[in-house]
Protein backbone atom coordinates (compact mmCIF):
# COMPACT_ATOMS: atom_id res chain seq x y z
CA MET A 1 -0.06 -0.01 -0.02
CA LYS A 2 1.27 3.47 -0.85
CA ILE A 3 0.00 6.51 0.94
CA ALA A 4 0.89 10.11 -0.09
CA TYR A 5 0.83 12.79 2.45
CA ILE A 6 0.66 16.13 1.08
CA ASN A 7 1.87 19.09 3.15
CA PRO A 8 -0.20 22.14 1.96
CA ASN A 9 2.59 24.52 3.42
CA ALA A 10 6.07 25.12 1.99
CA THR A 11 8.06 23.75 5.12
CA GLY A 12 9.87 20.88 4.11
CA SER A 13 10.89 19.82 7.73
CA MET A 14 7.21 19.52 8.62
CA THR A 15 6.79 17.17 5.76
CA ARG A 16 9.80 14.94 6.72
CA ALA A 17 8.39 14.78 10.28
CA ILE A 18 4.92 13.88 9.03
CA VAL A 19 6.20 11.06 6.85
CA MET A 20 8.19 9.78 9.84
CA THR A 21 5.17 9.73 12.11
CA ALA A 22 2.90 8.05 9.38
CA GLN A 23 5.56 5.40 8.68
CA LYS A 24 5.77 4.50 12.25
CA ALA A 25 2.16 4.25 12.55
CA LEU A 26 1.96 2.11 9.43
CA PRO A 27 5.33 0.29 9.05
CA GLU A 28 4.01 -2.01 6.23
CA ALA A 29 3.02 0.92 3.90
CA GLU A 30 5.19 2.98 1.64
CA VAL A 31 4.61 6.60 2.84
CA LEU A 32 5.43 9.47 0.35
CA GLY A 33 5.63 13.06 1.34
CA LEU A 34 4.90 15.85 -1.01
CA THR A 35 5.35 19.56 -0.06
CA ASN A 36 3.43 22.43 -1.62
CA SER A 37 6.69 24.52 -2.23
CA GLY A 38 4.83 27.29 -3.71
CA GLY A 39 2.39 27.71 -0.76
CA PRO A 40 2.61 29.61 2.47
CA ALA A 41 5.48 28.78 4.95
CA ALA A 42 2.57 27.87 7.43
CA ILE A 43 -1.28 27.64 7.35
CA GLU A 44 -2.62 29.99 9.86
CA GLY A 45 -6.12 30.98 8.92
CA PRO A 46 -8.56 31.04 5.96
CA ALA A 47 -6.34 33.32 3.77
CA ASP A 48 -3.43 31.02 3.99
CA GLY A 49 -5.65 28.09 3.27
CA ARG A 50 -7.09 29.58 0.23
CA ALA A 51 -3.61 30.38 -1.13
CA ALA A 52 -2.51 26.83 -0.71
CA VAL A 53 -5.33 25.11 -2.43
CA PRO A 54 -3.93 25.32 -6.05
CA GLY A 55 -0.49 23.73 -5.00
CA VAL A 56 -2.44 21.12 -2.98
CA LEU A 57 -4.21 20.15 -6.25
CA ASP A 58 -0.91 20.06 -8.06
CA CYS A 59 0.46 17.64 -5.45
CA VAL A 60 -2.76 15.35 -5.73
CA ALA A 61 -1.87 15.00 -9.37
CA ARG A 62 1.59 14.04 -8.59
CA ALA A 63 0.41 11.62 -6.03
CA GLY A 64 -1.85 9.99 -8.54
CA ALA A 65 1.03 9.70 -11.02
CA LEU A 66 3.11 8.05 -8.36
CA GLY A 67 0.44 5.50 -7.88
CA ALA A 68 -0.85 6.44 -4.59
CA ASP A 69 -3.51 4.15 -3.05
CA ALA A 70 -4.72 6.97 -0.71
CA ILE A 71 -3.71 10.65 -0.12
CA VAL A 72 -3.73 12.35 3.18
CA ILE A 73 -4.08 16.20 3.47
CA ALA A 74 -1.51 16.76 6.28
CA CYS A 75 -2.84 20.24 7.61
CA PHE A 76 -5.10 20.15 10.44
CA ASP A 77 -7.28 22.65 8.66
CA ASP A 78 -8.00 19.80 6.12
CA THR A 79 -6.90 22.52 3.47
CA GLY A 80 -8.34 21.73 0.15
CA LEU A 81 -9.80 18.41 1.19
CA ALA A 82 -13.20 18.72 -0.83
CA GLU A 83 -11.29 19.81 -3.96
CA ALA A 84 -8.65 17.01 -3.56
CA ARG A 85 -11.37 14.46 -3.32
CA ALA A 86 -13.06 15.84 -6.45
CA ALA A 87 -9.85 15.56 -8.26
CA ALA A 88 -8.50 12.13 -6.88
CA LYS A 89 -9.16 8.67 -8.14
CA CYS A 90 -8.35 7.17 -4.75
CA PRO A 91 -9.54 7.84 -1.14
CA VAL A 92 -8.53 11.35 0.31
CA LEU A 93 -8.46 11.94 4.01
CA GLY A 94 -7.58 15.01 6.14
CA ILE A 95 -5.69 14.78 9.38
CA GLY A 96 -8.30 16.93 11.09
CA GLN A 97 -10.94 14.60 9.95
CA ALA A 98 -9.28 11.65 10.86
CA SER A 99 -8.64 12.95 14.34
CA TYR A 100 -12.34 13.53 14.92
CA MET A 101 -13.06 10.18 13.53
CA MET A 102 -10.78 8.48 15.98
CA ALA A 103 -12.47 10.43 18.79
CA VAL A 104 -15.73 8.91 17.72
CA LEU A 105 -14.39 5.59 17.55
CA LEU A 106 -13.13 5.77 21.05
CA GLY A 107 -16.30 7.32 22.21
CA LEU A 108 -14.65 10.33 23.84
CA ARG A 109 -15.55 13.94 24.20
CA PHE A 110 -12.64 15.78 22.58
CA ALA A 111 -10.91 19.09 22.80
CA VAL A 112 -8.66 20.42 20.04
CA VAL A 113 -5.60 22.26 20.96
CA THR A 114 -4.32 24.20 18.10
CA SER A 115 -1.92 26.90 17.12
CA VAL A 116 -3.01 30.50 16.69
CA ALA A 117 -6.61 31.95 17.12
CA ALA A 118 -7.00 32.57 13.32
CA ALA A 119 -7.21 28.77 12.98
CA ILE A 120 -10.16 28.43 15.36
CA PRO A 121 -12.96 29.43 12.90
CA VAL A 122 -11.65 27.01 10.11
CA ILE A 123 -11.51 24.11 12.76
CA GLU A 124 -14.89 24.95 14.21
CA ASP A 125 -16.42 24.97 10.71
CA ASN A 126 -14.91 21.63 9.76
CA ILE A 127 -16.18 20.07 13.01
CA GLU A 128 -19.66 21.30 12.32
CA THR A 129 -19.77 20.40 8.53
CA GLN A 130 -18.21 17.05 9.04
CA GLY A 131 -20.70 16.04 11.70
CA PHE A 132 -18.54 15.77 14.70
CA ALA A 133 -20.09 18.61 17.01
CA ALA A 134 -21.76 16.40 19.27
CA LEU A 135 -18.50 15.30 20.98
CA ARG A 136 -16.75 18.57 20.83
CA ALA A 137 -15.72 20.04 24.19
CA SER A 138 -13.60 22.92 23.02
CA VAL A 139 -11.14 24.22 20.53
CA ARG A 140 -8.41 26.03 22.06
CA ALA A 141 -5.66 28.29 20.62
CA SER A 142 -2.31 27.80 22.23
CA GLY A 143 -1.19 31.09 20.81
CA LEU A 144 2.01 29.37 19.36
CA PRO A 145 2.68 29.94 15.65
CA VAL A 146 2.88 26.89 13.55
CA LEU A 147 6.63 27.26 12.73
CA VAL A 148 7.39 27.69 16.56
CA ILE A 149 5.62 24.59 17.27
CA ASP A 150 7.50 22.75 14.46
CA GLU A 151 10.73 23.84 16.21
CA GLY A 152 9.67 21.82 19.25
CA ALA A 153 11.62 23.76 21.94
CA PRO A 154 11.19 22.64 25.50
CA ASP A 155 9.27 25.80 26.53
CA THR A 156 6.88 24.96 23.51
CA VAL A 157 6.31 21.51 24.95
CA ASP A 158 5.59 23.02 28.44
CA HIS A 159 3.17 25.51 26.99
CA LEU A 160 1.14 22.83 25.00
CA ALA A 161 1.14 20.56 28.13
CA ARG A 162 -0.49 23.22 30.05
CA GLU A 163 -3.09 23.70 27.39
CA ILE A 164 -3.84 20.18 27.29
CA GLU A 165 -4.46 19.98 31.03
CA ALA A 166 -6.61 23.10 30.90
CA ALA A 167 -8.67 21.46 28.19
CA ARG A 168 -9.18 18.36 30.65
CA VAL A 169 -9.93 20.42 33.75
CA LYS A 170 -11.63 23.36 32.47
CA ASP A 171 -13.34 22.11 29.19
CA GLY A 172 -14.20 18.55 30.44
CA ALA A 173 -12.33 16.83 27.51
CA GLY A 174 -12.04 13.10 27.71
CA CYS A 175 -9.22 13.27 25.07
CA VAL A 176 -7.28 16.01 23.41
CA ILE A 177 -6.59 16.33 19.68
CA LEU A 178 -3.25 17.79 18.64
CA GLY A 179 -4.54 20.38 16.17
CA CYS A 180 -1.36 21.04 14.16
CA ALA A 181 0.71 18.71 12.13
CA GLY A 182 3.80 20.25 13.58
CA MET A 183 2.60 18.82 17.24
CA SER A 184 2.97 15.14 15.67
CA PRO A 185 6.66 14.68 16.61
CA LEU A 186 5.68 15.96 20.10
CA LYS A 187 3.00 13.47 21.00
CA ALA A 188 5.15 10.99 22.79
CA GLU A 189 6.56 13.63 25.22
CA LEU A 190 3.20 15.29 25.67
CA GLY A 191 1.56 12.01 26.15
CA GLN A 192 3.84 11.29 29.12
CA ARG A 193 2.65 14.32 30.91
CA ALA A 194 -1.23 14.28 29.90
CA ALA A 195 -3.89 12.89 32.05
CA VAL A 196 -6.09 12.14 29.17
CA PRO A 197 -5.42 10.29 25.78
CA LEU A 198 -3.86 12.30 23.01
CA ILE A 199 -4.93 11.88 19.35
CA ASP A 200 -2.43 12.83 16.57
CA GLY A 201 -4.06 13.23 13.22
CA VAL A 202 -1.03 12.00 11.20
CA ALA A 203 -1.01 8.63 12.92
CA ALA A 204 -4.84 8.38 12.96
CA SER A 205 -5.04 9.06 9.18
CA ALA A 206 -2.45 6.42 8.48
CA VAL A 207 -4.65 3.60 10.03
CA LEU A 208 -7.74 5.13 8.73
CA ALA A 209 -6.35 5.26 5.19
CA ARG A 210 -5.56 1.71 5.50
CA ALA A 211 -8.89 0.71 6.41
CA ALA A 212 -10.41 2.91 3.56
CA VAL A 213 -8.27 1.12 0.86
CA ALA A 214 -9.23 -2.28 2.31
CA GLY A 215 -12.97 -1.39 2.41
CA LEU A 216 -12.78 -0.36 -1.19
CA GLN A 217 -10.99 -3.69 -2.14
CA ALA A 218 -13.41 -5.80 -0.15
CA ALA A 219 -16.38 -4.11 -1.92
CA SER A 220 -14.86 -4.65 -5.44
């Protein structure tokens, strides 16, 4: 099985970290990483998302040419997900969507801890339109820019750990979703400090992509 992870932003270090996480979650798969090199350096709100869509669709075409069995949009905003699905000939998932679906499968009320406040309206809208609002406890902005999160400094981990605990105590979350692809490499360290389960959309999307491909094969 071949899964193509499309990073809608232009930061190659994030793409490499995403591929490592997905490969670890699904070692039997071949995981490809495609970077939208002409896109914004980070996706932080609707304007960045709109600017990234043309490059995302170019990456969808590249993934198809490479023989991808599934495609994952590796931005928590699920940037260009609908457009990618319309263009692709294989299943397309978003890491945000996969995170919410995993929370549903676990039966846990979820909070999202994301990057900046500008991301909240996009995430809230995705939760509503994708049908996950019944289990939403909150969407919290950490106030940390995406590229700061990507650096993974100790004070960044400390800050995120405090936000995760606040989501548990103040918002009543039964699990916390890491609402930025840049948080994926930090999950193990954050998980050691968290009193609730953490969901990482990169890993969740890998196993759900496998299920989607297997489901199509079984139905054919």
